[in-house]
Amino acid sequence: MCLPQFEDRHPSYNAPTSYRTTNEEPSIFVKMLGRRCFRRAAGISGGGEIPLFVLLPRCDEVVAIDHSYQSLSSAYMKIILLDILGPAKMREMLIESRYDDLLSAAKDGHGRLPPELAKQTPLSRQDFKETRREWHFFPLRTIERAYARLERLTLVHGDLMDLSRFGKFDLLYVSNATEHVNRLRRNATLTDFVPIVGKGKLMLSTLSKSYSDAPPKPHKDWELVGDVEGFRTAWQHQLRRRRVPIEEVGQ
């Protein structure tokens, strides 16, 4: 099996916050996207669940980026475990809480991590326990489809703005990026994402409770097409479409 490519865009920076498992609700994103498929998608990697099981099964190409080496290392190790164990066995071991077996397999696969990611703290029993909590929502067929497409995935160490070098995407996942500072110590805005997304294409985002009490404000570049309150969190999960300028409609 061909493992994903890895690129390091900013070796001198490593974010202080990392996620070894997603802290969002991938099943909501799956429902919001419905049966849509995409040519190119990109988004924050986090612990890997959303790039792997929301984006990859429906996309021809996925770029997953994160400014934390630890998050990327966790995501990449899960991919290595999928390759060592296979989708069915890995999911079964997680569901059955066979954490010692998973730790042993992770130790065997550690040498396959890219050097920059191999330096990070290995996954622990607690990490696998949290991973189990998320993976039970994914049908085996979804995990198998992601596994069959791993060569279409690229992992990148960098900020969301670094995605511009890859061209425009049909789908962008930004998590709650507008609530956190990047390596330049500033918060991203919806306007920042315009150059990364094609006209008429989509963006998935999340807002925490403190940001989502008020109704979403209209935005000149983005049309809100989906807004779902979390089941397991107090967050709002939103789907937006990049507006097409009026003068270009119908062209």
C-alpha atoms as a PDB file:
ATOM      1  CA  MET A   1       0.000   0.000   0.000  1.00  0.00           C
ATOM      2  CA  CYS A   2       1.266   3.472  -0.914  1.00  0.00           C
ATOM      3  CA  LEU A   3       1.234   5.692   2.186  1.00  0.00           C
ATOM      4  CA  PRO A   4       0.344   9.399   1.890  1.00  0.00           C
ATOM      5  CA  GLN A   5       2.918  11.991   0.937  1.00  0.00           C
ATOM      6  CA  PHE A   6       4.125  14.376   3.629  1.00  0.00           C
ATOM      7  CA  GLU A   7       5.338  17.960   3.135  1.00  0.00           C
ATOM      8  CA  ASP A   8       6.839  20.248   5.764  1.00  0.00           C
ATOM      9  CA  ARG A   9       6.192  23.876   4.834  1.00  0.00           C
ATOM     10  CA  HIS A  10       7.309  25.492   8.107  1.00  0.00           C
ATOM     11  CA  PRO A  11       9.916  23.431  10.016  1.00  0.00           C
ATOM     12  CA  SER A  12      10.611  26.293  12.437  1.00  0.00           C
ATOM     13  CA  TYR A  13       7.049  26.426  13.793  1.00  0.00           C
ATOM     14  CA  ASN A  14       5.090  23.894  15.823  1.00  0.00           C
ATOM     15  CA  ALA A  15       1.713  24.854  17.271  1.00  0.00           C
ATOM     16  CA  PRO A  16       1.408  24.480  21.054  1.00  0.00           C
ATOM     17  CA  THR A  17      -2.060  22.880  20.743  1.00  0.00           C
ATOM     18  CA  SER A  18      -2.585  19.498  19.108  1.00  0.00           C
ATOM     19  CA  TYR A  19      -5.436  17.017  18.615  1.00  0.00           C
ATOM     20  CA  ARG A  20      -4.697  13.307  18.449  1.00  0.00           C
ATOM     21  CA  THR A  21      -8.345  12.537  17.721  1.00  0.00           C
ATOM     22  CA  THR A  22     -10.949  14.855  16.258  1.00  0.00           C
ATOM     23  CA  ASN A  23     -12.899  16.850  18.819  1.00  0.00           C
ATOM     24  CA  GLU A  24     -15.724  17.495  16.361  1.00  0.00           C
ATOM     25  CA  GLU A  25     -18.584  15.384  14.997  1.00  0.00           C
ATOM     26  CA  PRO A  26     -17.665  13.867  11.629  1.00  0.00           C
ATOM     27  CA  SER A  27     -21.039  12.109  11.306  1.00  0.00           C
ATOM     28  CA  ILE A  28     -22.732  15.530  11.118  1.00  0.00           C
ATOM     29  CA  PHE A  29     -20.422  16.609   8.294  1.00  0.00           C
ATOM     30  CA  VAL A  30     -21.218  13.375   6.437  1.00  0.00           C
ATOM     31  CA  LYS A  31     -24.931  14.126   6.737  1.00  0.00           C
ATOM     32  CA  MET A  32     -24.492  17.772   5.679  1.00  0.00           C
ATOM     33  CA  LEU A  33     -22.559  16.796   2.548  1.00  0.00           C
ATOM     34  CA  GLY A  34     -25.050  14.099   1.600  1.00  0.00           C
ATOM     35  CA  ARG A  35     -24.186  12.317  -1.647  1.00  0.00           C
ATOM     36  CA  ARG A  36     -21.969  15.107  -2.986  1.00  0.00           C
ATOM     37  CA  CYS A  37     -18.624  14.100  -4.451  1.00  0.00           C
ATOM     38  CA  PHE A  38     -15.684  16.369  -5.207  1.00  0.00           C
ATOM     39  CA  ARG A  39     -12.592  16.457  -7.361  1.00  0.00           C
ATOM     40  CA  ARG A  40     -10.306  18.291  -4.897  1.00  0.00           C
ATOM     41  CA  ALA A  41     -10.730  18.868  -1.149  1.00  0.00           C
ATOM     42  CA  ALA A  42      -8.541  20.226   1.629  1.00  0.00           C
ATOM     43  CA  GLY A  43      -8.788  20.916   5.315  1.00  0.00           C
ATOM     44  CA  ILE A  44      -7.322  20.802   8.784  1.00  0.00           C
ATOM     45  CA  SER A  45      -5.932  17.381   9.636  1.00  0.00           C
ATOM     46  CA  GLY A  46      -6.364  17.257  13.417  1.00  0.00           C
ATOM     47  CA  GLY A  47      -6.255  13.621  14.476  1.00  0.00           C
ATOM     48  CA  GLY A  48      -7.088  12.527  10.926  1.00  0.00           C
ATOM     49  CA  GLU A  49     -10.697  11.342  11.223  1.00  0.00           C
ATOM     50  CA  ILE A  50     -12.273  14.074   9.093  1.00  0.00           C
ATOM     51  CA  PRO A  51      -9.756  13.997   6.207  1.00  0.00           C
ATOM     52  CA  LEU A  52      -9.872  10.203   6.205  1.00  0.00           C
ATOM     53  CA  PHE A  53     -13.549   9.416   6.690  1.00  0.00           C
ATOM     54  CA  VAL A  54     -15.430  12.549   5.620  1.00  0.00           C
ATOM     55  CA  LEU A  55     -13.296  13.878   2.746  1.00  0.00           C
ATOM     56  CA  LEU A  56     -11.327  10.972   1.270  1.00  0.00           C
ATOM     57  CA  PRO A  57     -14.252   8.600   0.534  1.00  0.00           C
ATOM     58  CA  ARG A  58     -15.936  11.272  -1.648  1.00  0.00           C
ATOM     59  CA  CYS A  59     -12.923  13.076  -3.175  1.00  0.00           C
ATOM     60  CA  ASP A  60     -10.374  12.334  -5.889  1.00  0.00           C
ATOM     61  CA  GLU A  61      -7.666  14.301  -4.053  1.00  0.00           C
ATOM     62  CA  VAL A  62      -7.334  15.460  -0.431  1.00  0.00           C
ATOM     63  CA  VAL A  63      -4.739  17.750   1.168  1.00  0.00           C
ATOM     64  CA  ALA A  64      -4.815  17.666   4.989  1.00  0.00           C
ATOM     65  CA  ILE A  65      -2.861  20.450   6.687  1.00  0.00           C
ATOM     66  CA  ASP A  66      -2.047  21.186  10.315  1.00  0.00           C
ATOM     67  CA  HIS A  67       0.351  23.483  12.169  1.00  0.00           C
ATOM     68  CA  SER A  68       0.942  20.810  14.832  1.00  0.00           C
ATOM     69  CA  TYR A  69       3.473  18.056  14.224  1.00  0.00           C
ATOM     70  CA  GLN A  70       1.765  16.021  16.966  1.00  0.00           C
ATOM     71  CA  SER A  71      -1.627  16.096  15.236  1.00  0.00           C
ATOM     72  CA  LEU A  72      -0.068  15.048  11.941  1.00  0.00           C
ATOM     73  CA  SER A  73       1.941  12.300  13.633  1.00  0.00           C
ATOM     74  CA  SER A  74      -1.230  10.920  15.223  1.00  0.00           C
ATOM     75  CA  ALA A  75      -3.094  10.995  11.910  1.00  0.00           C
ATOM     76  CA  TYR A  76      -0.216   9.354  10.047  1.00  0.00           C
ATOM     77  CA  MET A  77       0.158   6.591  12.648  1.00  0.00           C
ATOM     78  CA  LYS A  78      -3.538   5.711  12.291  1.00  0.00           C
ATOM     79  CA  ILE A  79      -2.937   5.378   8.554  1.00  0.00           C
ATOM     80  CA  ILE A  80       0.052   3.106   9.174  1.00  0.00           C
ATOM     81  CA  LEU A  81      -2.063   0.975  11.518  1.00  0.00           C
ATOM     82  CA  LEU A  82      -4.742   0.702   8.835  1.00  0.00           C
ATOM     83  CA  ASP A  83      -2.060  -0.595   6.492  1.00  0.00           C
ATOM     84  CA  ILE A  84      -0.635  -3.051   9.049  1.00  0.00           C
ATOM     85  CA  LEU A  85      -3.927  -4.378  10.409  1.00  0.00           C
ATOM     86  CA  GLY A  86      -6.443  -3.697   7.640  1.00  0.00           C
ATOM     87  CA  PRO A  87      -9.661  -1.694   8.126  1.00  0.00           C
ATOM     88  CA  ALA A  88     -11.788  -4.506   9.574  1.00  0.00           C
ATOM     89  CA  LYS A  89      -9.228  -5.708  12.115  1.00  0.00           C
ATOM     90  CA  MET A  90      -8.247  -2.200  13.248  1.00  0.00           C
ATOM     91  CA  ARG A  91     -11.860  -1.138  13.762  1.00  0.00           C
ATOM     92  CA  GLU A  92     -12.575  -4.399  15.600  1.00  0.00           C
ATOM     93  CA  MET A  93      -9.572  -3.920  17.888  1.00  0.00           C
ATOM     94  CA  LEU A  94     -10.690  -0.378  18.711  1.00  0.00           C
ATOM     95  CA  ILE A  95     -14.296  -1.370  19.384  1.00  0.00           C
ATOM     96  CA  GLU A  96     -13.141  -4.276  21.569  1.00  0.00           C
ATOM     97  CA  SER A  97     -10.767  -1.967  23.494  1.00  0.00           C
ATOM     98  CA  ARG A  98      -7.708  -4.055  22.613  1.00  0.00           C
ATOM     99  CA  TYR A  99      -5.405  -1.146  23.336  1.00  0.00           C
ATOM    100  CA  ASP A 100      -2.315  -3.199  24.185  1.00  0.00           C
ATOM    101  CA  ASP A 101      -2.518  -4.906  20.778  1.00  0.00           C
ATOM    102  CA  LEU A 102      -2.863  -1.514  19.082  1.00  0.00           C
ATOM    103  CA  LEU A 103       0.098  -0.116  21.018  1.00  0.00           C
ATOM    104  CA  SER A 104       2.185  -3.101  19.940  1.00  0.00           C
ATOM    105  CA  ALA A 105       1.243  -2.603  16.282  1.00  0.00           C
ATOM    106  CA  ALA A 106       2.000   1.122  16.569  1.00  0.00           C
ATOM    107  CA  LYS A 107       5.445   0.322  17.963  1.00  0.00           C
ATOM    108  CA  ASP A 108       6.081  -1.997  15.004  1.00  0.00           C
ATOM    109  CA  GLY A 109       4.981   0.691  12.554  1.00  0.00           C
ATOM    110  CA  HIS A 110       6.810   3.632  14.124  1.00  0.00           C
ATOM    111  CA  GLY A 111       9.726   3.353  11.696  1.00  0.00           C
ATOM    112  CA  ARG A 112       7.390   4.117   8.785  1.00  0.00           C
ATOM    113  CA  LEU A 113       6.581   7.604  10.052  1.00  0.00           C
ATOM    114  CA  PRO A 114       8.210  10.525   8.204  1.00  0.00           C
ATOM    115  CA  PRO A 115      11.251  11.653  10.255  1.00  0.00           C
ATOM    116  CA  GLU A 116       9.631  14.939  11.313  1.00  0.00           C
ATOM    117  CA  LEU A 117       6.631  13.060  12.718  1.00  0.00           C
ATOM    118  CA  ALA A 118       8.569  10.190  14.282  1.00  0.00           C
ATOM    119  CA  LYS A 119       9.943  12.635  16.900  1.00  0.00           C
ATOM    120  CA  GLN A 120       6.494  13.219  18.401  1.00  0.00           C
ATOM    121  CA  THR A 121       4.983  11.502  21.443  1.00  0.00           C
ATOM    122  CA  PRO A 122       3.606   8.059  20.466  1.00  0.00           C
ATOM    123  CA  LEU A 123      -0.093   7.318  20.718  1.00  0.00           C
ATOM    124  CA  SER A 124      -1.135   6.169  24.193  1.00  0.00           C
ATOM    125  CA  ARG A 125      -3.888   3.972  25.608  1.00  0.00           C
ATOM    126  CA  GLN A 126      -5.932   7.113  26.295  1.00  0.00           C
ATOM    127  CA  ASP A 127      -5.477   8.257  22.685  1.00  0.00           C
ATOM    128  CA  PHE A 128      -6.812   4.911  21.457  1.00  0.00           C
ATOM    129  CA  LYS A 129      -9.707   5.125  23.907  1.00  0.00           C
ATOM    130  CA  GLU A 130     -10.682   8.509  22.461  1.00  0.00           C
ATOM    131  CA  THR A 131     -10.173   7.191  18.925  1.00  0.00           C
ATOM    132  CA  ARG A 132     -12.522   4.285  19.725  1.00  0.00           C
ATOM    133  CA  ARG A 133     -15.210   6.769  20.749  1.00  0.00           C
ATOM    134  CA  GLU A 134     -15.099   8.350  17.281  1.00  0.00           C
ATOM    135  CA  TRP A 135     -14.460   5.355  15.029  1.00  0.00           C
ATOM    136  CA  HIS A 136     -17.542   3.452  16.142  1.00  0.00           C
ATOM    137  CA  PHE A 137     -19.625   6.038  14.220  1.00  0.00           C
ATOM    138  CA  PHE A 138     -17.967   5.097  10.913  1.00  0.00           C
ATOM    139  CA  PRO A 139     -19.307   2.092   8.984  1.00  0.00           C
ATOM    140  CA  LEU A 140     -16.642  -0.390   7.927  1.00  0.00           C
ATOM    141  CA  ARG A 141     -17.365   0.386   4.267  1.00  0.00           C
ATOM    142  CA  THR A 142     -16.375   4.033   4.863  1.00  0.00           C
ATOM    143  CA  ILE A 143     -13.063   3.027   6.446  1.00  0.00           C
ATOM    144  CA  GLU A 144     -12.414   0.540   3.624  1.00  0.00           C
ATOM    145  CA  ARG A 145     -13.118   3.197   0.984  1.00  0.00           C
ATOM    146  CA  ALA A 146     -10.708   5.620   2.664  1.00  0.00           C
ATOM    147  CA  TYR A 147      -8.068   2.898   2.920  1.00  0.00           C
ATOM    148  CA  ALA A 148      -8.381   2.164  -0.803  1.00  0.00           C
ATOM    149  CA  ARG A 149      -7.724   5.853  -1.588  1.00  0.00           C
ATOM    150  CA  LEU A 150      -4.747   6.609   0.668  1.00  0.00           C
ATOM    151  CA  GLU A 151      -2.525   7.408  -2.314  1.00  0.00           C
ATOM    152  CA  ARG A 152      -4.823  10.376  -2.997  1.00  0.00           C
ATOM    153  CA  LEU A 153      -4.012  11.959   0.385  1.00  0.00           C
ATOM    154  CA  THR A 154      -1.223  14.447   1.136  1.00  0.00           C
ATOM    155  CA  LEU A 155      -0.395  15.565   4.694  1.00  0.00           C
ATOM    156  CA  VAL A 156       1.175  19.006   5.087  1.00  0.00           C
ATOM    157  CA  HIS A 157       2.713  20.759   8.083  1.00  0.00           C
ATOM    158  CA  GLY A 158       1.710  24.419   7.785  1.00  0.00           C
ATOM    159  CA  ASP A 159      -1.151  26.910   8.083  1.00  0.00           C
ATOM    160  CA  LEU A 160      -4.388  26.975   6.111  1.00  0.00           C
ATOM    161  CA  MET A 161      -3.066  29.857   4.020  1.00  0.00           C
ATOM    162  CA  ASP A 162      -0.319  27.555   2.736  1.00  0.00           C
ATOM    163  CA  LEU A 163      -3.023  25.670   0.843  1.00  0.00           C
ATOM    164  CA  SER A 164      -2.977  28.412  -1.810  1.00  0.00           C
ATOM    165  CA  ARG A 165       0.103  26.830  -3.391  1.00  0.00           C
ATOM    166  CA  PHE A 166      -2.031  23.786  -4.247  1.00  0.00           C
ATOM    167  CA  GLY A 167      -4.555  25.830  -6.255  1.00  0.00           C
ATOM    168  CA  LYS A 168      -8.280  26.113  -5.626  1.00  0.00           C
ATOM    169  CA  PHE A 169     -10.405  23.420  -4.016  1.00  0.00           C
ATOM    170  CA  ASP A 170     -14.010  22.283  -4.460  1.00  0.00           C
ATOM    171  CA  LEU A 171     -14.408  21.670  -0.715  1.00  0.00           C
ATOM    172  CA  LEU A 172     -12.542  23.200   2.222  1.00  0.00           C
ATOM    173  CA  TYR A 173     -12.800  22.091   5.856  1.00  0.00           C
ATOM    174  CA  VAL A 174     -11.567  24.740   8.300  1.00  0.00           C
ATOM    175  CA  SER A 175     -12.803  23.438  11.676  1.00  0.00           C
ATOM    176  CA  ASN A 176     -12.977  26.347  14.145  1.00  0.00           C
ATOM    177  CA  ALA A 177      -9.958  28.087  12.618  1.00  0.00           C
ATOM    178  CA  THR A 178     -11.486  31.563  12.881  1.00  0.00           C
ATOM    179  CA  GLU A 179     -11.313  31.231  16.688  1.00  0.00           C
ATOM    180  CA  HIS A 180      -7.602  30.401  16.872  1.00  0.00           C
ATOM    181  CA  VAL A 181      -4.479  32.325  15.924  1.00  0.00           C
ATOM    182  CA  ASN A 182      -2.105  31.087  13.236  1.00  0.00           C
ATOM    183  CA  ARG A 183       1.681  31.257  13.289  1.00  0.00           C
ATOM    184  CA  LEU A 184       1.431  34.987  12.476  1.00  0.00           C
ATOM    185  CA  ARG A 185      -0.548  35.437  15.714  1.00  0.00           C
ATOM    186  CA  ARG A 186      -3.778  36.476  14.059  1.00  0.00           C
ATOM    187  CA  ASN A 187      -7.197  34.892  13.563  1.00  0.00           C
ATOM    188  CA  ALA A 188      -8.203  33.769  10.113  1.00  0.00           C
ATOM    189  CA  THR A 189     -11.367  35.286   8.625  1.00  0.00           C
ATOM    190  CA  LEU A 190     -13.892  33.983   6.130  1.00  0.00           C
ATOM    191  CA  THR A 191     -12.399  36.392   3.603  1.00  0.00           C
ATOM    192  CA  ASP A 192      -8.993  34.687   3.976  1.00  0.00           C
ATOM    193  CA  PHE A 193     -10.444  31.456   2.602  1.00  0.00           C
ATOM    194  CA  VAL A 194     -11.809  32.983  -0.624  1.00  0.00           C
ATOM    195  CA  PRO A 195      -8.580  32.474  -2.657  1.00  0.00           C
ATOM    196  CA  ILE A 196      -8.498  28.783  -1.702  1.00  0.00           C
ATOM    197  CA  VAL A 197     -12.049  27.834  -2.767  1.00  0.00           C
ATOM    198  CA  GLY A 198     -13.423  27.895  -6.313  1.00  0.00           C
ATOM    199  CA  LYS A 199     -16.431  30.044  -7.143  1.00  0.00           C
ATOM    200  CA  GLY A 200     -19.654  28.263  -6.234  1.00  0.00           C
ATOM    201  CA  LYS A 201     -17.758  25.657  -4.216  1.00  0.00           C
ATOM    202  CA  LEU A 202     -18.173  24.692  -0.539  1.00  0.00           C
ATOM    203  CA  MET A 203     -16.615  25.178   2.898  1.00  0.00           C
ATOM    204  CA  LEU A 204     -17.306  23.290   6.140  1.00  0.00           C
ATOM    205  CA  SER A 205     -16.680  25.098   9.417  1.00  0.00           C
ATOM    206  CA  THR A 206     -17.461  24.899  13.114  1.00  0.00           C
ATOM    207  CA  LEU A 207     -18.155  27.585  15.718  1.00  0.00           C
ATOM    208  CA  SER A 208     -18.039  27.066  19.466  1.00  0.00           C
ATOM    209  CA  LYS A 209     -20.917  28.118  21.702  1.00  0.00           C
ATOM    210  CA  SER A 210     -19.454  31.518  22.563  1.00  0.00           C
ATOM    211  CA  TYR A 211     -19.276  32.351  18.860  1.00  0.00           C
ATOM    212  CA  SER A 212     -22.561  30.804  17.772  1.00  0.00           C
ATOM    213  CA  ASP A 213     -25.165  32.314  20.124  1.00  0.00           C
ATOM    214  CA  ALA A 214     -26.007  35.031  17.605  1.00  0.00           C
ATOM    215  CA  PRO A 215     -27.471  34.251  14.160  1.00  0.00           C
ATOM    216  CA  PRO A 216     -24.781  33.983  11.447  1.00  0.00           C
ATOM    217  CA  LYS A 217     -24.023  37.347   9.857  1.00  0.00           C
ATOM    218  CA  PRO A 218     -24.397  37.664   6.077  1.00  0.00           C
ATOM    219  CA  HIS A 219     -21.057  37.682   4.261  1.00  0.00           C
ATOM    220  CA  LYS A 220     -20.368  39.172   0.844  1.00  0.00           C
ATOM    221  CA  ASP A 221     -18.286  36.171  -0.257  1.00  0.00           C
ATOM    222  CA  TRP A 222     -20.151  33.272   1.360  1.00  0.00           C
ATOM    223  CA  GLU A 223     -23.735  32.011   1.336  1.00  0.00           C
ATOM    224  CA  LEU A 224     -24.804  29.909   4.325  1.00  0.00           C
ATOM    225  CA  VAL A 225     -26.459  26.718   3.021  1.00  0.00           C
ATOM    226  CA  GLY A 226     -26.384  24.514   6.141  1.00  0.00           C
ATOM    227  CA  ASP A 227     -26.328  25.184   9.891  1.00  0.00           C
ATOM    228  CA  VAL A 228     -26.585  22.219  12.299  1.00  0.00           C
ATOM    229  CA  GLU A 229     -26.245  22.242  16.079  1.00  0.00           C
ATOM    230  CA  GLY A 230     -23.967  19.554  17.450  1.00  0.00           C
ATOM    231  CA  PHE A 231     -25.391  16.489  19.188  1.00  0.00           C
ATOM    232  CA  ARG A 232     -22.384  15.784  21.397  1.00  0.00           C
ATOM    233  CA  THR A 233     -21.045  19.339  21.562  1.00  0.00           C
ATOM    234  CA  ALA A 234     -22.464  22.844  21.940  1.00  0.00           C
ATOM    235  CA  TRP A 235     -20.961  23.796  18.581  1.00  0.00           C
ATOM    236  CA  GLN A 236     -22.593  24.871  15.342  1.00  0.00           C
ATOM    237  CA  HIS A 237     -21.484  23.055  12.195  1.00  0.00           C
ATOM    238  CA  GLN A 238     -21.930  25.144   9.081  1.00  0.00           C
ATOM    239  CA  LEU A 239     -21.769  24.621   5.339  1.00  0.00           C
ATOM    240  CA  ARG A 240     -21.141  27.642   3.123  1.00  0.00           C
ATOM    241  CA  ARG A 241     -20.976  28.158  -0.624  1.00  0.00           C
ATOM    242  CA  ARG A 242     -18.631  30.698  -2.134  1.00  0.00           C
ATOM    243  CA  ARG A 243     -20.715  33.261  -3.958  1.00  0.00           C
ATOM    244  CA  VAL A 244     -20.406  33.796  -7.694  1.00  0.00           C
ATOM    245  CA  PRO A 245     -20.281  37.519  -8.534  1.00  0.00           C
ATOM    246  CA  ILE A 246     -23.572  38.696 -10.070  1.00  0.00           C
ATOM    247  CA  GLU A 247     -21.813  39.812 -13.239  1.00  0.00           C
ATOM    248  CA  GLU A 248     -20.551  36.249 -13.771  1.00  0.00           C
ATOM    249  CA  VAL A 249     -23.855  34.444 -13.178  1.00  0.00           C
ATOM    250  CA  GLY A 250     -24.978  32.749 -16.369  1.00  0.00           C
ATOM    251  CA  GLN A 251     -21.658  33.152 -18.138  1.00  0.00           C
END
